[in-house]
Amino acid sequence: MNEFEKKELILRDWLAIERTHLANERTFLAYFRTAFVFLATGLTIIKVDYFQNLNWLGWFFIGLFPFVLFFGIYRLIKVKNGIAQHYKP
């Protein structure tokens, strides 16, 4: 058997792949959570009169929201495709 031929995966390998999938999903959820914290913080800064002189910071956080969210989605898909490419059943 050639060392480059794919061998059949054993249970330990399947479990490692499954852990990798779950870690990828947890990472996406962290990006998702961070993006919505930016959104909520930006809206709060804009709406509260006490922070009127920090309106620019509120708009910055709101502007940062889609970038963090889309980067998280991009990373989720990229890693998921990488895992699927290397470990096809």
C-alpha atoms as a PDB file:
ATOM      1  CA  MET A   1       0.000   0.000   0.000  1.00  0.00           C
ATOM      2  CA  ASN A   2       1.328   3.369  -1.007  1.00  0.00           C
ATOM      3  CA  GLU A   3       1.765   5.874   1.837  1.00  0.00           C
ATOM      4  CA  PHE A   4      -0.237   8.439  -0.135  1.00  0.00           C
ATOM      5  CA  GLU A   5      -3.313   6.236  -0.494  1.00  0.00           C
ATOM      6  CA  LYS A   6      -6.130   7.073   1.861  1.00  0.00           C
ATOM      7  CA  LYS A   7      -6.695   4.543   4.569  1.00  0.00           C
ATOM      8  CA  GLU A   8     -10.057   3.822   6.098  1.00  0.00           C
ATOM      9  CA  LEU A   9     -10.618   5.962   9.153  1.00  0.00           C
ATOM     10  CA  ILE A  10     -11.062   4.372  12.541  1.00  0.00           C
ATOM     11  CA  LEU A  11     -13.448   5.558  15.252  1.00  0.00           C
ATOM     12  CA  ARG A  12     -10.810   7.743  16.898  1.00  0.00           C
ATOM     13  CA  ASP A  13     -10.269   9.588  13.615  1.00  0.00           C
ATOM     14  CA  TRP A  14     -13.998  10.119  13.048  1.00  0.00           C
ATOM     15  CA  LEU A  15     -14.343  11.514  16.561  1.00  0.00           C
ATOM     16  CA  ALA A  16     -11.412  13.879  15.949  1.00  0.00           C
ATOM     17  CA  ILE A  17     -13.081  15.139  12.774  1.00  0.00           C
ATOM     18  CA  GLU A  18     -16.334  15.638  14.660  1.00  0.00           C
ATOM     19  CA  ARG A  19     -14.512  17.624  17.374  1.00  0.00           C
ATOM     20  CA  THR A  20     -12.971  19.769  14.659  1.00  0.00           C
ATOM     21  CA  HIS A  21     -16.428  20.480  13.183  1.00  0.00           C
ATOM     22  CA  LEU A  22     -17.744  21.445  16.602  1.00  0.00           C
ATOM     23  CA  ALA A  23     -14.753  23.696  17.283  1.00  0.00           C
ATOM     24  CA  ASN A  24     -15.351  25.417  13.942  1.00  0.00           C
ATOM     25  CA  GLU A  25     -18.987  26.057  14.889  1.00  0.00           C
ATOM     26  CA  ARG A  26     -17.974  27.404  18.312  1.00  0.00           C
ATOM     27  CA  THR A  27     -15.541  29.773  16.634  1.00  0.00           C
ATOM     28  CA  PHE A  28     -18.290  31.043  14.348  1.00  0.00           C
ATOM     29  CA  LEU A  29     -20.584  31.571  17.326  1.00  0.00           C
ATOM     30  CA  ALA A  30     -17.863  33.634  18.991  1.00  0.00           C
ATOM     31  CA  TYR A  31     -17.652  35.849  15.879  1.00  0.00           C
ATOM     32  CA  PHE A  32     -21.461  36.071  15.806  1.00  0.00           C
ATOM     33  CA  ARG A  33     -21.626  37.025  19.477  1.00  0.00           C
ATOM     34  CA  THR A  34     -18.882  39.626  19.082  1.00  0.00           C
ATOM     35  CA  ALA A  35     -20.585  41.174  16.047  1.00  0.00           C
ATOM     36  CA  PHE A  36     -23.877  41.565  17.885  1.00  0.00           C
ATOM     37  CA  VAL A  37     -22.128  43.033  20.924  1.00  0.00           C
ATOM     38  CA  PHE A  38     -20.663  45.660  18.592  1.00  0.00           C
ATOM     39  CA  LEU A  39     -24.136  46.345  17.201  1.00  0.00           C
ATOM     40  CA  ALA A  40     -25.784  46.586  20.619  1.00  0.00           C
ATOM     41  CA  THR A  41     -23.001  48.757  22.011  1.00  0.00           C
ATOM     42  CA  GLY A  42     -23.155  51.096  19.024  1.00  0.00           C
ATOM     43  CA  LEU A  43     -26.922  51.470  19.276  1.00  0.00           C
ATOM     44  CA  THR A  44     -26.685  52.082  23.005  1.00  0.00           C
ATOM     45  CA  ILE A  45     -24.040  54.770  22.600  1.00  0.00           C
ATOM     46  CA  ILE A  46     -26.133  56.516  19.937  1.00  0.00           C
ATOM     47  CA  LYS A  47     -29.435  56.329  21.860  1.00  0.00           C
ATOM     48  CA  VAL A  48     -28.244  57.342  25.332  1.00  0.00           C
ATOM     49  CA  ASP A  49     -28.075  61.123  25.687  1.00  0.00           C
ATOM     50  CA  TYR A  50     -25.241  60.900  28.201  1.00  0.00           C
ATOM     51  CA  PHE A  51     -22.900  59.686  25.444  1.00  0.00           C
ATOM     52  CA  GLN A  52     -23.891  62.376  22.938  1.00  0.00           C
ATOM     53  CA  ASN A  53     -20.267  63.433  22.398  1.00  0.00           C
ATOM     54  CA  LEU A  54     -19.338  59.793  21.554  1.00  0.00           C
ATOM     55  CA  ASN A  55     -21.790  59.379  18.665  1.00  0.00           C
ATOM     56  CA  TRP A  56     -18.870  58.725  16.300  1.00  0.00           C
ATOM     57  CA  LEU A  57     -17.882  55.706  18.395  1.00  0.00           C
ATOM     58  CA  GLY A  58     -21.423  54.331  18.214  1.00  0.00           C
ATOM     59  CA  TRP A  59     -21.433  54.614  14.440  1.00  0.00           C
ATOM     60  CA  PHE A  60     -17.990  53.016  14.299  1.00  0.00           C
ATOM     61  CA  PHE A  61     -19.258  49.986  16.251  1.00  0.00           C
ATOM     62  CA  ILE A  62     -22.323  49.729  14.033  1.00  0.00           C
ATOM     63  CA  GLY A  63     -20.071  49.903  10.968  1.00  0.00           C
ATOM     64  CA  LEU A  64     -17.810  47.226  12.408  1.00  0.00           C
ATOM     65  CA  PHE A  65     -20.744  44.845  12.918  1.00  0.00           C
ATOM     66  CA  PRO A  66     -21.155  43.574   9.314  1.00  0.00           C
ATOM     67  CA  PHE A  67     -17.414  43.158   8.812  1.00  0.00           C
ATOM     68  CA  VAL A  68     -17.017  40.936  11.870  1.00  0.00           C
ATOM     69  CA  LEU A  69     -20.159  38.971  11.004  1.00  0.00           C
ATOM     70  CA  PHE A  70     -19.185  38.370   7.367  1.00  0.00           C
ATOM     71  CA  PHE A  71     -15.611  37.482   8.320  1.00  0.00           C
ATOM     72  CA  GLY A  72     -17.007  34.887  10.746  1.00  0.00           C
ATOM     73  CA  ILE A  73     -19.256  33.444   8.028  1.00  0.00           C
ATOM     74  CA  TYR A  74     -16.368  33.408   5.548  1.00  0.00           C
ATOM     75  CA  ARG A  75     -14.107  31.632   8.029  1.00  0.00           C
ATOM     76  CA  LEU A  76     -16.809  29.087   8.910  1.00  0.00           C
ATOM     77  CA  ILE A  77     -17.304  28.152   5.265  1.00  0.00           C
ATOM     78  CA  LYS A  78     -13.584  28.118   4.455  1.00  0.00           C
ATOM     79  CA  VAL A  79     -12.679  25.822   7.360  1.00  0.00           C
ATOM     80  CA  LYS A  80     -15.715  23.587   6.743  1.00  0.00           C
ATOM     81  CA  ASN A  81     -14.685  23.148   3.092  1.00  0.00           C
ATOM     82  CA  GLY A  82     -11.092  22.470   4.149  1.00  0.00           C
ATOM     83  CA  ILE A  83     -12.218  19.766   6.533  1.00  0.00           C
ATOM     84  CA  ALA A  84     -14.503  18.226   3.907  1.00  0.00           C
ATOM     85  CA  GLN A  85     -11.718  18.304   1.316  1.00  0.00           C
ATOM     86  CA  HIS A  86      -9.296  16.349   3.482  1.00  0.00           C
ATOM     87  CA  TYR A  87     -11.731  13.903   5.061  1.00  0.00           C
ATOM     88  CA  LYS A  88     -14.281  12.668   2.593  1.00  0.00           C
ATOM     89  CA  PRO A  89     -16.296   9.686   3.799  1.00  0.00           C
END
